[in-house]
PDB file of N, CA and C in Angstrom:
ATOM      1  N   MET A   1     155.131 107.402 155.308  1.00  0.00           N
ATOM      2  CA  MET A   1     154.044 106.071 156.254  1.00  0.00           C
ATOM      3  C   MET A   1     154.030 106.680 157.319  1.00  0.00           C
ATOM      4  N   ARG A   2     153.236 106.816 157.476  1.00  0.00           N
ATOM      5  CA  ARG A   2     152.888 107.203 159.326  1.00  0.00           C
ATOM      6  C   ARG A   2     152.096 105.502 159.791  1.00  0.00           C
ATOM      7  N   LEU A   3     152.501 105.138 160.956  1.00  0.00           N
ATOM      8  CA  LEU A   3     152.330 104.010 161.470  1.00  0.00           C
ATOM      9  C   LEU A   3     151.988 103.960 162.860  1.00  0.00           C
ATOM     10  N   ILE A   4     150.997 102.588 163.240  1.00  0.00           N
ATOM     11  CA  ILE A   4     151.615 102.934 164.882  1.00  0.00           C
ATOM     12  C   ILE A   4     152.960 101.721 165.025  1.00  0.00           C
ATOM     13  N   ASP A   5     153.578 101.766 165.839  1.00  0.00           N
ATOM     14  CA  ASP A   5     154.121 101.254 166.178  1.00  0.00           C
ATOM     15  C   ASP A   5     153.894 100.063 167.820  1.00  0.00           C
ATOM     16  N   VAL A   6     152.677  99.155 167.585  1.00  0.00           N
ATOM     17  CA  VAL A   6     152.639  98.517 168.648  1.00  0.00           C
ATOM     18  C   VAL A   6     153.545  97.891 169.740  1.00  0.00           C
ATOM     19  N   ASN A   7     154.579  97.327 169.355  1.00  0.00           N
ATOM     20  CA  ASN A   7     156.025  97.465 170.193  1.00  0.00           C
ATOM     21  C   ASN A   7     155.926  98.324 171.244  1.00  0.00           C
ATOM     22  N   THR A   8     155.789 100.008 171.285  1.00  0.00           N
ATOM     23  CA  THR A   8     156.420 100.818 171.602  1.00  0.00           C
ATOM     24  C   THR A   8     155.077 101.546 171.755  1.00  0.00           C
ATOM     25  N   ALA A   9     154.032 101.351 171.039  1.00  0.00           N
ATOM     26  CA  ALA A   9     152.826 102.380 171.204  1.00  0.00           C
ATOM     27  C   ALA A   9     152.643 103.556 170.857  1.00  0.00           C
ATOM     28  N   SER A  10     153.451 103.689 170.196  1.00  0.00           N
ATOM     29  CA  SER A  10     153.904 105.400 169.480  1.00  0.00           C
ATOM     30  C   SER A  10     153.638 105.097 167.883  1.00  0.00           C
ATOM     31  N   LEU A  11     153.460 106.352 167.832  1.00  0.00           N
ATOM     32  CA  LEU A  11     153.789 106.698 166.072  1.00  0.00           C
ATOM     33  C   LEU A  11     155.170 106.677 165.393  1.00  0.00           C
ATOM     34  N   THR A  12     155.006 106.783 164.392  1.00  0.00           N
ATOM     35  CA  THR A  12     156.119 106.129 163.722  1.00  0.00           C
ATOM     36  C   THR A  12     156.119 106.304 161.955  1.00  0.00           C
ATOM     37  N   GLU A  13     157.449 107.444 161.824  1.00  0.00           N
ATOM     38  CA  GLU A  13     157.117 107.458 159.937  1.00  0.00           C
ATOM     39  C   GLU A  13     158.216 106.332 159.573  1.00  0.00           C
ATOM     40  N   VAL A  14     157.624 105.176 158.316  1.00  0.00           N
ATOM     41  CA  VAL A  14     157.866 103.790 158.019  1.00  0.00           C
ATOM     42  C   VAL A  14     157.979 104.434 156.316  1.00  0.00           C
ATOM     43  N   LEU A  15     159.996 104.590 156.005  1.00  0.00           N
ATOM     44  CA  LEU A  15     160.194 104.759 154.642  1.00  0.00           C
ATOM     45  C   LEU A  15     159.854 103.304 153.809  1.00  0.00           C
ATOM     46  N   ILE A  16     159.114 103.509 152.814  1.00  0.00           N
ATOM     47  CA  ILE A  16     158.640 103.002 152.372  1.00  0.00           C
ATOM     48  C   ILE A  16     159.736 103.052 150.732  1.00  0.00           C
ATOM     49  N   GLY A  17     159.940 101.462 150.106  1.00  0.00           N
ATOM     50  CA  GLY A  17     160.721 101.485 149.036  1.00  0.00           C
ATOM     51  C   GLY A  17     160.075 101.638 147.807  1.00  0.00           C
ATOM     52  N   ASP A  18     160.599 101.282 146.707  1.00  0.00           N
ATOM     53  CA  ASP A  18     160.262 100.712 145.975  1.00  0.00           C
ATOM     54  C   ASP A  18     159.258  99.393 145.567  1.00  0.00           C
ATOM     55  N   THR A  19     160.345  98.891 146.383  1.00  0.00           N
ATOM     56  CA  THR A  19     159.403  96.966 146.211  1.00  0.00           C
ATOM     57  C   THR A  19     159.025  96.399 148.001  1.00  0.00           C
ATOM     58  N   THR A  20     159.405  97.526 149.193  1.00  0.00           N
ATOM     59  CA  THR A  20     158.893  97.410 150.622  1.00  0.00           C
ATOM     60  C   THR A  20     158.281  97.843 150.947  1.00  0.00           C
ATOM     61  N   TRP A  21     157.068  96.582 151.424  1.00  0.00           N
ATOM     62  CA  TRP A  21     155.851  97.524 152.411  1.00  0.00           C
ATOM     63  C   TRP A  21     156.732  96.641 153.467  1.00  0.00           C
ATOM     64  N   PRO A  22     155.971  97.106 154.733  1.00  0.00           N
ATOM     65  CA  PRO A  22     155.667  96.262 156.010  1.00  0.00           C
ATOM     66  C   PRO A  22     154.464  96.155 156.248  1.00  0.00           C
ATOM     67  N   THR A  23     154.612  94.979 157.039  1.00  0.00           N
ATOM     68  CA  THR A  23     153.304  94.294 157.345  1.00  0.00           C
ATOM     69  C   THR A  23     152.395  94.900 158.177  1.00  0.00           C
ATOM     70  N   TYR A  24     151.166  95.518 158.094  1.00  0.00           N
ATOM     71  CA  TYR A  24     150.663  96.225 158.969  1.00  0.00           C
ATOM     72  C   TYR A  24     148.829  96.352 159.052  1.00  0.00           C
ATOM     73  N   THR A  25     148.286  95.916 160.065  1.00  0.00           N
ATOM     74  CA  THR A  25     146.517  95.621 159.213  1.00  0.00           C
ATOM     75  C   THR A  25     146.153  97.739 159.157  1.00  0.00           C
ATOM     76  N   ALA A  26     144.931  97.531 159.653  1.00  0.00           N
ATOM     77  CA  ALA A  26     144.507  99.057 159.394  1.00  0.00           C
ATOM     78  C   ALA A  26     143.487  98.975 160.474  1.00  0.00           C
ATOM     79  N   LEU A  27     142.622  99.582 160.358  1.00  0.00           N
ATOM     80  CA  LEU A  27     141.250 100.109 161.304  1.00  0.00           C
ATOM     81  C   LEU A  27     140.776 100.864 160.329  1.00  0.00           C
ATOM     82  N   SER A  28     139.660 100.312 160.477  1.00  0.00           N
ATOM     83  CA  SER A  28     138.093 101.348 159.409  1.00  0.00           C
ATOM     84  C   SER A  28     136.940 101.064 160.334  1.00  0.00           C
ATOM     85  N   TYR A  29     136.791 102.116 160.816  1.00  0.00           N
ATOM     86  CA  TYR A  29     135.906 102.887 161.751  1.00  0.00           C
ATOM     87  C   TYR A  29     134.932 104.475 161.502  1.00  0.00           C
ATOM     88  N   VAL A  30     133.895 104.144 161.899  1.00  0.00           N
ATOM     89  CA  VAL A  30     133.457 105.629 162.058  1.00  0.00           C
ATOM     90  C   VAL A  30     133.634 105.977 163.266  1.00  0.00           C
ATOM     91  N   TRP A  31     133.951 107.311 163.546  1.00  0.00           N
ATOM     92  CA  TRP A  31     134.568 108.091 164.227  1.00  0.00           C
ATOM     93  C   TRP A  31     132.605 108.293 165.189  1.00  0.00           C
ATOM     94  N   GLY A  32     132.598 108.715 166.170  1.00  0.00           N
ATOM     95  CA  GLY A  32     132.222 109.229 167.303  1.00  0.00           C
ATOM     96  C   GLY A  32     131.970 111.037 167.181  1.00  0.00           C
ATOM     97  N   ALA A  33     131.495 111.604 167.446  1.00  0.00           N
ATOM     98  CA  ALA A  33     130.640 112.689 167.792  1.00  0.00           C
ATOM     99  C   ALA A  33     132.232 113.218 167.854  1.00  0.00           C
ATOM    100  N   ASP A  34     132.813 113.246 168.273  1.00  0.00           N
ATOM    101  CA  ASP A  34     134.180 113.995 168.724  1.00  0.00           C
ATOM    102  C   ASP A  34     135.057 112.193 168.754  1.00  0.00           C
ATOM    103  N   GLN A  35     136.337 112.780 167.767  1.00  0.00           N
ATOM    104  CA  GLN A  35     137.706 111.372 168.251  1.00  0.00           C
ATOM    105  C   GLN A  35     138.291 112.733 169.440  1.00  0.00           C
ATOM    106  N   LYS A  36     139.061 111.734 170.541  1.00  0.00           N
ATOM    107  CA  LYS A  36     139.783 111.826 171.852  1.00  0.00           C
ATOM    108  C   LYS A  36     140.837 112.280 170.967  1.00  0.00           C
ATOM    109  N   LEU A  37     141.789 111.613 170.381  1.00  0.00           N
ATOM    110  CA  LEU A  37     143.051 111.936 169.645  1.00  0.00           C
ATOM    111  C   LEU A  37     143.113 111.822 168.087  1.00  0.00           C
ATOM    112  N   LYS A  38     143.223 112.878 167.952  1.00  0.00           N
ATOM    113  CA  LYS A  38     143.914 112.748 166.548  1.00  0.00           C
ATOM    114  C   LYS A  38     144.881 113.371 166.210  1.00  0.00           C
ATOM    115  N   LEU A  39     145.706 113.111 165.126  1.00  0.00           N
ATOM    116  CA  LEU A  39     147.639 113.568 164.946  1.00  0.00           C
ATOM    117  C   LEU A  39     147.150 115.111 164.151  1.00  0.00           C
ATOM    118  N   SER A  40     148.313 115.882 164.941  1.00  0.00           N
ATOM    119  CA  SER A  40     147.979 117.121 164.354  1.00  0.00           C
ATOM    120  C   SER A  40     149.509 117.569 164.245  1.00  0.00           C
ATOM    121  N   THR A  41     149.371 118.745 164.409  1.00  0.00           N
ATOM    122  CA  THR A  41     151.501 119.546 163.130  1.00  0.00           C
ATOM    123  C   THR A  41     152.424 119.909 165.022  1.00  0.00           C
ATOM    124  N   GLN A  42     150.635 120.068 165.903  1.00  0.00           N
ATOM    125  CA  GLN A  42     151.157 120.217 167.712  1.00  0.00           C
ATOM    126  C   GLN A  42     151.683 119.074 168.347  1.00  0.00           C
ATOM    127  N   ASN A  43     151.286 117.616 167.495  1.00  0.00           N
ATOM    128  CA  ASN A  43     151.006 116.557 168.456  1.00  0.00           C
ATOM    129  C   ASN A  43     151.939 116.018 168.062  1.00  0.00           C
ATOM    130  N   LYS A  44     152.154 115.507 167.559  1.00  0.00           N
ATOM    131  CA  LYS A  44     153.204 114.881 166.322  1.00  0.00           C
ATOM    132  C   LYS A  44     154.210 114.854 166.919  1.00  0.00           C
ATOM    133  N   ILE A  45     155.046 115.212 167.225  1.00  0.00           N
ATOM    134  CA  ILE A  45     156.361 114.902 167.690  1.00  0.00           C
ATOM    135  C   ILE A  45     156.396 114.110 168.926  1.00  0.00           C
ATOM    136  N   ALA A  46     155.082 114.367 170.418  1.00  0.00           N
ATOM    137  CA  ALA A  46     154.640 113.743 171.398  1.00  0.00           C
ATOM    138  C   ALA A  46     153.963 112.156 170.786  1.00  0.00           C
ATOM    139  N   LEU A  47     153.455 112.524 170.527  1.00  0.00           N
ATOM    140  CA  LEU A  47     152.893 111.597 170.072  1.00  0.00           C
ATOM    141  C   LEU A  47     154.228 110.022 169.354  1.00  0.00           C
ATOM    142  N   ALA A  48     155.566 110.754 169.334  1.00  0.00           N
ATOM    143  CA  ALA A  48     156.270 109.399 168.371  1.00  0.00           C
ATOM    144  C   ALA A  48     157.432 109.211 170.089  1.00  0.00           C
ATOM    145  N   SER A  49     156.623 109.823 170.555  1.00  0.00           N
ATOM    146  CA  SER A  49     157.313 109.401 171.963  1.00  0.00           C
ATOM    147  C   SER A  49     157.149 108.021 172.623  1.00  0.00           C
ATOM    148  N   PRO A  50     157.590 106.992 172.802  1.00  0.00           N
ATOM    149  CA  PRO A  50     157.370 105.436 173.680  1.00  0.00           C
ATOM    150  C   PRO A  50     156.563 105.621 173.915  1.00  0.00           C
ATOM    151  N   GLY A  51     155.158 104.918 174.661  1.00  0.00           N
ATOM    152  CA  GLY A  51     154.435 104.655 175.161  1.00  0.00           C
ATOM    153  C   GLY A  51     153.065 105.829 175.306  1.00  0.00           C
ATOM    154  N   SER A  52     153.324 107.025 174.200  1.00  0.00           N
ATOM    155  CA  SER A  52     152.515 107.802 173.893  1.00  0.00           C
ATOM    156  C   SER A  52     151.545 107.672 173.823  1.00  0.00           C
ATOM    157  N   LEU A  53     150.447 106.702 173.621  1.00  0.00           N
ATOM    158  CA  LEU A  53     149.185 106.070 173.048  1.00  0.00           C
ATOM    159  C   LEU A  53     148.704 105.428 174.582  1.00  0.00           C
ATOM    160  N   TYR A  54     149.152 104.869 175.427  1.00  0.00           N
ATOM    161  CA  TYR A  54     148.655 103.943 175.952  1.00  0.00           C
ATOM    162  C   TYR A  54     147.514 104.850 177.057  1.00  0.00           C
ATOM    163  N   GLY A  55     146.350 104.613 176.474  1.00  0.00           N
ATOM    164  CA  GLY A  55     145.645 105.099 177.415  1.00  0.00           C
ATOM    165  C   GLY A  55     144.308 106.570 176.716  1.00  0.00           C
ATOM    166  N   ALA A  56     145.844 106.381 175.647  1.00  0.00           N
ATOM    167  CA  ALA A  56     144.763 108.174 174.630  1.00  0.00           C
ATOM    168  C   ALA A  56     144.389 107.747 173.909  1.00  0.00           C
ATOM    169  N   ALA A  57     144.344 107.221 173.188  1.00  0.00           N
ATOM    170  CA  ALA A  57     143.422 107.020 171.751  1.00  0.00           C
ATOM    171  C   ALA A  57     141.771 106.675 172.425  1.00  0.00           C
ATOM    172  N   ALA A  58     140.943 106.616 171.468  1.00  0.00           N
ATOM    173  CA  ALA A  58     139.742 105.975 172.062  1.00  0.00           C
ATOM    174  C   ALA A  58     139.916 104.035 172.336  1.00  0.00           C
ATOM    175  N   LYS A  59     138.629 103.947 173.120  1.00  0.00           N
ATOM    176  CA  LYS A  59     139.144 102.484 172.814  1.00  0.00           C
ATOM    177  C   LYS A  59     139.073 101.648 171.557  1.00  0.00           C
ATOM    178  N   THR A  60     138.652 101.921 170.510  1.00  0.00           N
ATOM    179  CA  THR A  60     138.251 101.666 169.533  1.00  0.00           C
ATOM    180  C   THR A  60     139.839 101.419 168.892  1.00  0.00           C
ATOM    181  N   ILE A  61     140.368 102.202 168.822  1.00  0.00           N
ATOM    182  CA  ILE A  61     142.181 102.568 168.824  1.00  0.00           C
ATOM    183  C   ILE A  61     142.609 101.369 169.421  1.00  0.00           C
ATOM    184  N   ASP A  62     142.889 101.553 170.846  1.00  0.00           N
ATOM    185  CA  ASP A  62     143.340 100.695 171.581  1.00  0.00           C
ATOM    186  C   ASP A  62     143.143  99.189 171.762  1.00  0.00           C
ATOM    187  N   HIS A  63     142.064  98.663 171.711  1.00  0.00           N
ATOM    188  CA  HIS A  63     141.771  97.094 171.520  1.00  0.00           C
ATOM    189  C   HIS A  63     142.380  96.690 169.464  1.00  0.00           C
ATOM    190  N   ALA A  64     142.385  97.894 168.449  1.00  0.00           N
ATOM    191  CA  ALA A  64     142.957  97.588 167.480  1.00  0.00           C
ATOM    192  C   ALA A  64     144.606  97.403 167.684  1.00  0.00           C
ATOM    193  N   ILE A  65     144.853  98.020 168.411  1.00  0.00           N
ATOM    194  CA  ILE A  65     146.839  98.348 168.756  1.00  0.00           C
ATOM    195  C   ILE A  65     147.152  96.863 169.178  1.00  0.00           C
ATOM    196  N   TYR A  66     145.781  96.849 170.622  1.00  0.00           N
ATOM    197  CA  TYR A  66     145.949  95.341 170.730  1.00  0.00           C
ATOM    198  C   TYR A  66     146.327  94.166 170.050  1.00  0.00           C
ATOM    199  N   LEU A  67     145.628  94.112 169.579  1.00  0.00           N
ATOM    200  CA  LEU A  67     144.522  92.753 169.168  1.00  0.00           C
ATOM    201  C   LEU A  67     145.614  92.480 167.571  1.00  0.00           C
ATOM    202  N   THR A  68     146.089  93.824 166.837  1.00  0.00           N
ATOM    203  CA  THR A  68     147.858  93.818 166.385  1.00  0.00           C
ATOM    204  C   THR A  68     148.657  93.222 166.908  1.00  0.00           C
ATOM    205  N   SER A  69     148.743  93.318 168.051  1.00  0.00           N
ATOM    206  CA  SER A  69     150.204  92.827 168.409  1.00  0.00           C
ATOM    207  C   SER A  69     149.418  91.666 169.006  1.00  0.00           C
ATOM    208  N   LEU A  70     148.500  90.502 169.285  1.00  0.00           N
ATOM    209  CA  LEU A  70     148.372  89.635 169.649  1.00  0.00           C
ATOM    210  C   LEU A  70     148.733  88.517 168.413  1.00  0.00           C
ATOM    211  N   LEU A  71     148.013  88.912 167.060  1.00  0.00           N
ATOM    212  CA  LEU A  71     148.598  88.619 165.627  1.00  0.00           C
ATOM    213  C   LEU A  71     150.266  88.849 165.512  1.00  0.00           C
ATOM    214  N   GLY A  72     150.541  89.400 166.029  1.00  0.00           N
ATOM    215  CA  GLY A  72     152.474  89.233 165.905  1.00  0.00           C
ATOM    216  C   GLY A  72     152.382  90.205 164.766  1.00  0.00           C
ATOM    217  N   ILE A  73     151.515  91.192 164.350  1.00  0.00           N
ATOM    218  CA  ILE A  73     152.494  92.335 163.275  1.00  0.00           C
ATOM    219  C   ILE A  73     152.604  93.631 164.492  1.00  0.00           C
ATOM    220  N   GLN A  74     153.989  94.168 163.950  1.00  0.00           N
ATOM    221  CA  GLN A  74     154.119  94.993 165.029  1.00  0.00           C
ATOM    222  C   GLN A  74     153.389  96.457 164.154  1.00  0.00           C
ATOM    223  N   TYR A  75     152.860  96.511 163.331  1.00  0.00           N
ATOM    224  CA  TYR A  75     152.616  98.192 163.300  1.00  0.00           C
ATOM    225  C   TYR A  75     150.765  98.279 162.654  1.00  0.00           C
ATOM    226  N   ILE A  76     150.010  99.111 162.918  1.00  0.00           N
ATOM    227  CA  ILE A  76     148.928  99.706 162.106  1.00  0.00           C
ATOM    228  C   ILE A  76     148.348 100.608 161.797  1.00  0.00           C
ATOM    229  N   TRP A  77     147.545 101.175 160.676  1.00  0.00           N
ATOM    230  CA  TRP A  77     147.100 102.577 160.198  1.00  0.00           C
ATOM    231  C   TRP A  77     145.896 103.002 160.497  1.00  0.00           C
ATOM    232  N   VAL A  78     145.721 103.630 161.389  1.00  0.00           N
ATOM    233  CA  VAL A  78     144.510 104.466 161.681  1.00  0.00           C
ATOM    234  C   VAL A  78     144.099 105.802 161.654  1.00  0.00           C
ATOM    235  N   ASP A  79     143.629 105.662 160.434  1.00  0.00           N
ATOM    236  CA  ASP A  79     143.451 107.015 159.886  1.00  0.00           C
ATOM    237  C   ASP A  79     143.403 108.172 160.383  1.00  0.00           C
ATOM    238  N   ALA A  80     142.678 108.571 161.297  1.00  0.00           N
ATOM    239  CA  ALA A  80     142.427 109.442 162.701  1.00  0.00           C
ATOM    240  C   ALA A  80     144.220 109.852 163.323  1.00  0.00           C
ATOM    241  N   LEU A  81     144.916 109.077 163.092  1.00  0.00           N
ATOM    242  CA  LEU A  81     146.784 108.545 163.961  1.00  0.00           C
ATOM    243  C   LEU A  81     147.750 108.917 162.698  1.00  0.00           C
ATOM    244  N   SER A  82     147.158 108.895 162.043  1.00  0.00           N
ATOM    245  CA  SER A  82     148.504 108.838 160.788  1.00  0.00           C
ATOM    246  C   SER A  82     147.628 109.852 159.542  1.00  0.00           C
ATOM    247  N   ILE A  83     147.147 110.395 159.481  1.00  0.00           N
ATOM    248  CA  ILE A  83     147.017 111.574 158.429  1.00  0.00           C
ATOM    249  C   ILE A  83     146.746 112.598 159.369  1.00  0.00           C
ATOM    250  N   ILE A  84     147.391 114.352 158.605  1.00  0.00           N
ATOM    251  CA  ILE A  84     147.277 114.794 159.216  1.00  0.00           C
ATOM    252  C   ILE A  84     145.682 116.179 159.170  1.00  0.00           C
TER     253      ILE A  84
END
């Protein structure tokens, strides 16, 4: 499962066992005319670099990442950045 790690502002792949799931939030929203940043096979490695999401994603995603960190939750799932 691909999640955004709010502590490092980067995309990470979280391994999920049969019974263990990490705590995470999810962002559900309607995309605008053009999504500023989407996950692709070309940018997957770059988005895994610490700090890669600072200022790169749409404001809605930036705000959701910030709110998730305020809640003390390490991960957030965002469709545009979690699904290729």
